[in-house]
Amino acid sequence: MPIVAIHRSLARAALALVFVAASANAADYPTPVERDWIARDFRFHSGEVAPELRLHVTTIGDPAGEPVLVLHGTAGSGSGFLAAAFAGELFGPGQPLDAKRYYLILPDAIGAGKSARPSDGMRTRFPRYNYVDMVEAQFRLVSEGLGIRHLRAVIGNSMGGMQAWLWGERHPGFMDAVVPMACQPTEMAGRNWMMRRLLVESIRSDPGWQNGNYATQPRGVALALTVFGTATSGGTQAYHAQAPNRVKADELIAARLAAPVTADANDLIYQWESSADYDASRDLERIEATVLAINSADDERNPPELGIMEREMKRVRHGTFVLLPTTADSRGHATTGFARLWKQHLDELLRTAPRRPPG
């Protein structure tokens, strides 16, 4: 199998974790800290090996606290959870994930945030990764990099939720609870996959992409992201409230198209294609942890009318499924980004889920 050297400049970096002060700060919970850790000889599912794979993580709280892993969505990053709608509802004193009690671990997935990614220089020579690769990299970061033997919970949103399912299956004795949100454990299908495929193909078909060897970002990326985001997240009621007529709708789209694009085209292709072979439904019976699955009724990517969650949850030994109702406050696929809408369920889970011995 080919050997892939990722970020050779990392050979000059310290072998231990590199600490830098986090840019985000909050008055009511400990200051977040960012760090890099190098996974040596990381083997991807394809057989390709990275002698050095950089993994970035944001942590909050005392490492002696109960560790909780929080996993972000596609094209996001761990620091995205520092937004007031999430951290402001969960990380403060007396809140469900009080950072003075819990040690919060917010990694950047392979290909996202400040972890190793195609845009660092390898472009389309970067190894093709999938969700299993991401989970195994996270496992090595947690167990080797941070020296943690057991997690109180693994919490994930969207892509992170799908990875939370995989965590429960691949490392069943490593956590007490699993909280997958805005996702399903089944393989990609229907509108969810079709829109991902269209997003990727629209970038590849852009003349400016130049087979991944562009000097400037393809101009069509902004349109591709706007189409995808509008079609698959936001909520029908919320969009109608923001755009109750054609003029307002045009203004909303114009603003989105005019917004600066900070994403890299190759990174986007890798990120969205990484879900192609995802299917956690194969091993649901392997999950030993207590599962709290949370979806929203207006989720455009995971429509509840298909009955998938009700069917699959029957195979989970210790599982509860919560479907958040459609309201004026819901935002479709983005609803679970607003922790106030579901934090009471997480609070109950953390109070009641049995603590299991490390395994």
Protein backbone atom coordinates (compact mmCIF):
# COMPACT_ATOMS: atom_id res chain seq x y z
CA MET A 1 0.00 0.00 0.00
CA PRO A 2 1.24 3.51 -0.67
CA ILE A 3 2.81 5.43 2.16
CA VAL A 4 1.45 8.93 2.55
CA ALA A 5 3.49 11.57 4.34
CA ILE A 6 1.17 14.21 5.70
CA HIS A 7 2.52 17.57 6.76
CA ARG A 8 6.20 16.68 6.77
CA SER A 9 6.92 19.95 8.50
CA LEU A 10 5.39 18.40 11.62
CA ALA A 11 8.61 16.43 12.05
CA ARG A 12 10.09 19.63 13.38
CA ALA A 13 7.29 20.03 15.91
CA ALA A 14 7.37 18.76 19.46
CA LEU A 15 6.23 15.19 19.85
CA ALA A 16 4.02 16.02 22.79
CA LEU A 17 0.80 17.97 22.76
CA VAL A 18 1.27 21.58 21.69
CA PHE A 19 -0.77 24.01 23.71
CA VAL A 20 -2.00 27.37 22.48
CA ALA A 21 -4.51 29.64 24.13
CA ALA A 22 -7.94 29.27 22.65
CA SER A 23 -9.36 32.32 20.93
CA ALA A 24 -12.82 31.72 22.37
CA ASN A 25 -13.47 32.70 25.93
CA ALA A 26 -16.42 32.67 28.26
CA ALA A 27 -16.99 34.26 31.63
CA ASP A 28 -18.99 31.39 33.08
CA TYR A 29 -16.82 28.39 32.22
CA PRO A 30 -13.07 27.70 32.13
CA THR A 31 -11.08 29.13 29.26
CA PRO A 32 -10.93 26.71 26.31
CA VAL A 33 -7.48 25.44 25.38
CA GLU A 34 -6.43 24.32 21.90
CA ARG A 35 -3.73 21.79 21.17
CA ASP A 36 -2.33 19.59 18.41
CA TRP A 37 -1.44 15.95 18.75
CA ILE A 38 0.38 13.84 16.18
CA ALA A 39 -0.96 10.34 15.47
CA ARG A 40 2.03 8.29 14.32
CA ASP A 41 1.64 5.76 11.50
CA PHE A 42 -2.09 6.29 11.16
CA ARG A 43 -3.62 3.70 8.83
CA PHE A 44 -6.67 4.74 6.80
CA HIS A 45 -9.37 2.28 5.78
CA SER A 46 -7.88 2.32 2.28
CA GLY A 47 -4.58 0.95 3.58
CA GLU A 48 -2.74 4.23 3.11
CA VAL A 49 -0.54 5.16 6.05
CA ALA A 50 0.23 8.65 7.35
CA PRO A 51 3.54 8.68 9.22
CA GLU A 52 2.32 11.84 10.96
CA LEU A 53 -1.33 12.84 11.11
CA ARG A 54 -2.09 16.11 12.85
CA LEU A 55 -5.20 16.08 15.03
CA HIS A 56 -6.45 19.28 16.63
CA VAL A 57 -8.60 19.48 19.73
CA THR A 58 -10.18 22.07 22.00
CA THR A 59 -10.57 21.11 25.65
CA ILE A 60 -12.44 22.82 28.47
CA GLY A 61 -12.11 22.13 32.16
CA ASP A 62 -9.86 20.13 34.45
CA PRO A 63 -8.47 16.89 32.95
CA ALA A 64 -9.36 15.27 36.28
CA GLY A 65 -13.05 15.85 35.57
CA GLU A 66 -15.37 13.32 34.01
CA PRO A 67 -14.44 13.27 30.30
CA VAL A 68 -17.10 13.95 27.67
CA LEU A 69 -16.37 13.84 23.93
CA VAL A 70 -18.35 16.24 21.71
CA LEU A 71 -18.22 15.71 17.92
CA HIS A 72 -19.02 18.34 15.29
CA GLY A 73 -20.86 18.19 11.97
CA THR A 74 -19.57 18.15 8.41
CA ALA A 75 -17.25 21.07 7.56
CA GLY A 76 -17.42 22.26 11.16
CA SER A 77 -14.87 22.20 13.97
CA GLY A 78 -14.74 21.56 17.68
CA SER A 79 -14.52 25.27 18.41
CA GLY A 80 -17.91 25.71 16.74
CA PHE A 81 -19.48 24.36 19.93
CA LEU A 82 -18.30 27.48 21.75
CA ALA A 83 -21.22 29.40 20.24
CA ALA A 84 -23.62 30.83 22.80
CA ALA A 85 -26.51 28.66 21.57
CA PHE A 86 -24.54 25.56 22.58
CA ALA A 87 -21.83 26.33 25.14
CA GLY A 88 -23.91 29.07 26.74
CA GLU A 89 -26.64 26.55 27.49
CA LEU A 90 -24.48 23.59 28.52
CA PHE A 91 -20.99 24.44 29.81
CA GLY A 92 -21.71 26.91 32.63
CA PRO A 93 -22.18 26.31 36.37
CA GLY A 94 -25.09 24.01 37.11
CA GLN A 95 -25.70 23.32 33.41
CA PRO A 96 -25.78 19.76 32.01
CA LEU A 97 -22.11 19.79 30.90
CA ASP A 98 -20.79 22.03 33.67
CA ALA A 99 -17.13 22.43 32.71
CA LYS A 100 -16.13 22.60 36.37
CA ARG A 101 -17.31 19.02 36.71
CA TYR A 102 -16.72 17.60 33.24
CA TYR A 103 -13.61 17.59 31.08
CA LEU A 104 -14.98 18.55 27.66
CA ILE A 105 -13.11 17.29 24.59
CA LEU A 106 -13.99 18.93 21.26
CA PRO A 107 -11.82 17.48 18.45
CA ASP A 108 -11.55 18.64 14.85
CA ALA A 109 -12.24 15.67 12.59
CA ILE A 110 -9.76 14.59 9.94
CA GLY A 111 -10.13 17.00 7.03
CA ALA A 112 -11.76 19.77 9.07
CA GLY A 113 -10.88 22.67 11.31
CA LYS A 114 -7.19 22.68 12.18
CA SER A 115 -6.65 18.94 11.76
CA ALA A 116 -4.84 17.54 8.73
CA ARG A 117 -6.75 18.26 5.51
CA PRO A 118 -6.25 18.41 1.73
CA SER A 119 -5.88 22.20 1.67
CA ASP A 120 -2.71 21.98 3.77
CA GLY A 121 -0.84 21.16 0.58
CA MET A 122 -1.57 17.63 -0.59
CA ARG A 123 -4.79 18.58 -2.37
CA THR A 124 -6.25 15.51 -4.13
CA ARG A 125 -3.26 13.39 -3.05
CA PHE A 126 -4.61 13.47 0.50
CA PRO A 127 -5.87 10.00 1.55
CA ARG A 128 -9.56 9.36 1.02
CA TYR A 129 -10.94 9.13 4.53
CA ASN A 130 -14.32 8.01 5.82
CA TYR A 131 -16.22 8.18 9.10
CA VAL A 132 -14.50 5.08 10.49
CA ASP A 133 -11.13 6.76 9.94
CA MET A 134 -12.38 9.82 11.78
CA VAL A 135 -13.60 7.76 14.73
CA GLU A 136 -10.37 5.78 14.99
CA ALA A 137 -8.36 9.00 14.87
CA GLN A 138 -10.55 10.43 17.64
CA PHE A 139 -10.07 7.25 19.67
CA ARG A 140 -6.30 7.51 19.38
CA LEU A 141 -6.41 11.19 20.31
CA VAL A 142 -8.50 10.47 23.40
CA SER A 143 -6.77 7.28 24.55
CA GLU A 144 -3.16 7.96 23.52
CA GLY A 145 -2.99 11.74 23.28
CA LEU A 146 -5.06 12.56 26.36
CA GLY A 147 -4.52 9.33 28.28
CA ILE A 148 -8.24 8.74 28.91
CA ARG A 149 -9.46 5.19 29.52
CA HIS A 150 -13.20 5.84 29.75
CA LEU A 151 -15.70 8.53 28.73
CA ARG A 152 -18.82 9.54 30.56
CA ALA A 153 -20.47 10.29 27.22
CA VAL A 154 -19.93 10.70 23.50
CA ILE A 155 -22.16 13.44 22.10
CA GLY A 156 -22.36 14.21 18.39
CA ASN A 157 -24.34 16.48 16.10
CA SER A 158 -25.09 15.65 12.43
CA MET A 159 -21.88 14.01 11.13
CA GLY A 160 -20.73 13.91 14.74
CA GLY A 161 -23.95 12.09 15.61
CA MET A 162 -23.27 9.45 12.99
CA GLN A 163 -19.79 9.08 14.39
CA ALA A 164 -21.27 8.74 17.89
CA TRP A 165 -23.18 5.69 16.67
CA LEU A 166 -19.91 4.25 15.36
CA TRP A 167 -18.14 5.01 18.64
CA GLY A 168 -20.76 3.00 20.51
CA GLU A 169 -20.30 0.05 18.16
CA ARG A 170 -16.54 0.05 17.67
CA HIS A 171 -15.59 0.82 21.29
CA PRO A 172 -18.60 -0.45 23.26
CA GLY A 173 -16.87 -0.53 26.64
CA PHE A 174 -15.31 2.91 26.40
CA MET A 175 -18.28 5.09 27.39
CA ASP A 176 -21.34 5.17 29.62
CA ALA A 177 -23.63 7.05 27.24
CA VAL A 178 -23.96 7.91 23.55
CA VAL A 179 -25.97 10.91 22.31
CA PRO A 180 -26.34 10.97 18.51
CA MET A 181 -28.27 14.02 17.27
CA ALA A 182 -29.59 15.16 13.88
CA CYS A 183 -28.76 11.87 12.22
CA GLN A 184 -29.78 8.28 11.61
CA PRO A 185 -27.72 5.10 11.98
CA THR A 186 -28.60 3.89 8.49
CA GLU A 187 -26.67 4.26 5.24
CA MET A 188 -26.83 7.36 3.09
CA ALA A 189 -29.97 7.42 0.93
CA GLY A 190 -32.69 9.62 -0.52
CA ARG A 191 -32.40 13.39 -0.48
CA ASN A 192 -29.63 13.30 2.12
CA TRP A 193 -27.21 11.54 -0.22
CA MET A 194 -28.52 13.08 -3.44
CA MET A 195 -27.88 16.61 -2.20
CA ARG A 196 -24.38 15.65 -1.03
CA ARG A 197 -23.66 14.15 -4.42
CA LEU A 198 -24.95 17.25 -6.20
CA LEU A 199 -22.82 19.51 -4.01
CA VAL A 200 -19.68 17.53 -4.82
CA GLU A 201 -20.44 17.25 -8.53
CA SER A 202 -21.19 20.95 -8.83
CA ILE A 203 -17.69 21.72 -7.51
CA ARG A 204 -15.98 19.13 -9.69
CA SER A 205 -17.77 20.36 -12.81
CA ASP A 206 -16.75 23.98 -12.18
CA PRO A 207 -14.06 24.93 -14.75
CA GLY A 208 -12.23 26.76 -11.98
CA TRP A 209 -11.70 23.54 -10.02
CA GLN A 210 -9.04 22.36 -12.50
CA ASN A 211 -8.97 18.80 -11.15
CA GLY A 212 -8.19 20.15 -7.71
CA ASN A 213 -5.18 22.21 -8.82
CA TYR A 214 -6.77 25.66 -8.69
CA ALA A 215 -4.83 28.81 -7.79
CA THR A 216 -7.96 30.55 -6.52
CA GLN A 217 -11.15 29.04 -5.16
CA PRO A 218 -13.68 28.09 -7.87
CA ARG A 219 -16.30 30.82 -8.18
CA GLY A 220 -19.15 28.31 -8.08
CA VAL A 221 -18.42 27.19 -4.52
CA ALA A 222 -20.53 30.00 -3.04
CA LEU A 223 -23.53 29.03 -5.17
CA ALA A 224 -23.07 25.33 -4.43
CA LEU A 225 -22.98 25.92 -0.68
CA THR A 226 -25.96 28.26 -0.80
CA VAL A 227 -28.07 25.77 -2.72
CA PHE A 228 -27.09 22.91 -0.42
CA GLY A 229 -27.60 24.86 2.79
CA THR A 230 -30.97 26.28 1.73
CA ALA A 231 -32.26 22.89 0.61
CA THR A 232 -31.09 20.81 3.56
CA SER A 233 -31.13 22.98 6.67
CA GLY A 234 -33.03 25.88 8.17
CA GLY A 235 -36.61 24.71 8.64
CA THR A 236 -39.73 25.54 6.66
CA GLN A 237 -41.33 27.73 9.31
CA ALA A 238 -38.13 29.64 9.98
CA TYR A 239 -37.50 30.30 6.30
CA HIS A 240 -41.05 31.51 5.80
CA ALA A 241 -40.71 33.86 8.76
CA GLN A 242 -37.46 35.26 7.35
CA ALA A 243 -38.73 35.41 3.78
CA PRO A 244 -42.53 35.88 3.80
CA ASN A 245 -42.46 37.24 0.25
CA ARG A 246 -40.32 37.11 -2.89
CA VAL A 247 -38.46 40.34 -2.13
CA LYS A 248 -37.36 39.14 1.30
CA ALA A 249 -36.44 35.74 -0.12
CA ASP A 250 -34.28 37.36 -2.81
CA GLU A 251 -32.59 39.53 -0.21
CA LEU A 252 -31.79 36.50 1.92
CA ILE A 253 -30.28 34.59 -1.00
CA ALA A 254 -28.34 37.64 -2.18
CA ALA A 255 -26.82 38.06 1.28
CA ARG A 256 -25.77 34.42 1.38
CA LEU A 257 -24.23 34.56 -2.07
CA ALA A 258 -22.33 37.74 -1.17
CA ALA A 259 -20.90 36.34 2.06
CA PRO A 260 -17.16 35.53 1.96
CA VAL A 261 -16.40 31.88 1.27
CA THR A 262 -13.80 30.59 3.69
CA ALA A 263 -14.16 26.91 2.75
CA ASP A 264 -11.71 25.18 0.42
CA ALA A 265 -13.14 23.32 -2.58
CA ASN A 266 -11.02 20.19 -2.16
CA ASP A 267 -11.73 20.09 1.57
CA LEU A 268 -15.46 20.28 0.83
CA ILE A 269 -15.33 17.41 -1.65
CA TYR A 270 -13.51 15.20 0.83
CA GLN A 271 -15.78 16.19 3.72
CA TRP A 272 -19.04 15.40 1.97
CA GLU A 273 -17.82 12.26 0.20
CA SER A 274 -16.54 10.83 3.48
CA SER A 275 -20.11 9.81 4.35
CA ALA A 276 -20.54 7.64 1.23
CA ASP A 277 -20.01 4.26 2.93
CA TYR A 278 -21.43 5.16 6.33
CA ASP A 279 -23.84 2.59 7.76
CA ALA A 280 -23.99 2.15 11.52
CA SER A 281 -27.09 -0.04 11.28
CA ARG A 282 -24.97 -3.14 10.77
CA ASP A 283 -23.84 -3.39 14.40
CA LEU A 284 -26.40 -1.63 16.59
CA GLU A 285 -26.64 -4.70 18.82
CA ARG A 286 -22.99 -4.21 19.81
CA ILE A 287 -23.74 -0.96 21.65
CA GLU A 288 -23.55 -1.41 25.41
CA ALA A 289 -23.86 2.23 26.49
CA THR A 290 -27.10 4.03 27.25
CA VAL A 291 -28.25 5.79 24.07
CA LEU A 292 -30.20 9.02 23.83
CA ALA A 293 -30.94 9.80 20.16
CA ILE A 294 -32.34 13.26 19.41
CA ASN A 295 -33.76 14.40 16.05
CA SER A 296 -36.10 17.21 15.02
CA ALA A 297 -39.42 16.76 13.27
CA ASP A 298 -38.53 19.22 10.50
CA ASP A 299 -35.05 17.85 9.76
CA GLU A 300 -34.67 18.05 5.98
CA ARG A 301 -31.91 15.43 5.88
CA ASN A 302 -33.46 12.93 8.28
CA PRO A 303 -37.24 13.08 7.69
CA PRO A 304 -39.09 11.33 10.54
CA GLU A 305 -41.95 10.19 8.32
CA LEU A 306 -39.72 7.41 7.01
CA GLY A 307 -39.95 5.70 10.40
CA ILE A 308 -36.27 4.76 10.34
CA MET A 309 -35.47 5.78 13.90
CA GLU A 310 -38.42 3.94 15.43
CA ARG A 311 -37.39 0.79 13.54
CA GLU A 312 -33.68 0.92 14.33
CA MET A 313 -34.02 1.95 17.98
CA LYS A 314 -35.70 -1.39 18.69
CA ARG A 315 -32.28 -2.96 18.16
CA VAL A 316 -30.59 -0.74 20.77
CA ARG A 317 -30.56 -2.44 24.18
CA HIS A 318 -30.63 0.70 26.30
CA GLY A 319 -31.98 3.40 24.05
CA THR A 320 -34.39 6.35 24.04
CA PHE A 321 -35.42 8.38 21.02
CA VAL A 322 -36.56 12.00 21.35
CA LEU A 323 -38.17 13.75 18.39
CA LEU A 324 -38.19 17.51 18.89
CA PRO A 325 -41.40 19.10 17.53
CA THR A 326 -41.55 21.63 14.73
CA THR A 327 -42.04 25.08 16.24
CA ALA A 328 -41.28 28.69 15.47
CA ASP A 329 -37.93 28.10 17.22
CA SER A 330 -36.88 24.99 15.29
CA ARG A 331 -34.47 25.25 12.36
CA GLY A 332 -34.79 21.95 10.52
CA HIS A 333 -31.50 20.08 10.43
CA ALA A 334 -29.92 22.91 12.42
CA THR A 335 -32.37 22.60 15.33
CA THR A 336 -30.06 20.52 17.54
CA GLY A 337 -27.49 23.31 17.39
CA PHE A 338 -29.77 25.14 19.85
CA ALA A 339 -29.14 23.26 23.09
CA ARG A 340 -31.96 24.95 25.02
CA LEU A 341 -34.42 22.88 22.98
CA TRP A 342 -33.12 19.54 24.27
CA LYS A 343 -30.72 20.08 27.17
CA GLN A 344 -33.22 18.79 29.73
CA HIS A 345 -33.02 15.35 28.10
CA LEU A 346 -29.21 15.39 28.28
CA ASP A 347 -29.33 16.47 31.90
CA GLU A 348 -31.57 13.53 32.79
CA LEU A 349 -29.35 11.11 30.88
CA LEU A 350 -26.18 12.21 32.68
CA ARG A 351 -27.96 11.96 36.04
CA THR A 352 -29.31 8.47 35.44
CA ALA A 353 -27.08 6.57 32.99
CA PRO A 354 -25.23 3.81 34.84
CA ARG A 355 -21.50 4.23 35.20
CA ARG A 356 -19.70 1.32 33.63
CA PRO A 357 -16.19 0.11 34.43
CA PRO A 358 -13.49 0.90 31.84
CA GLY A 359 -13.34 -1.79 29.22
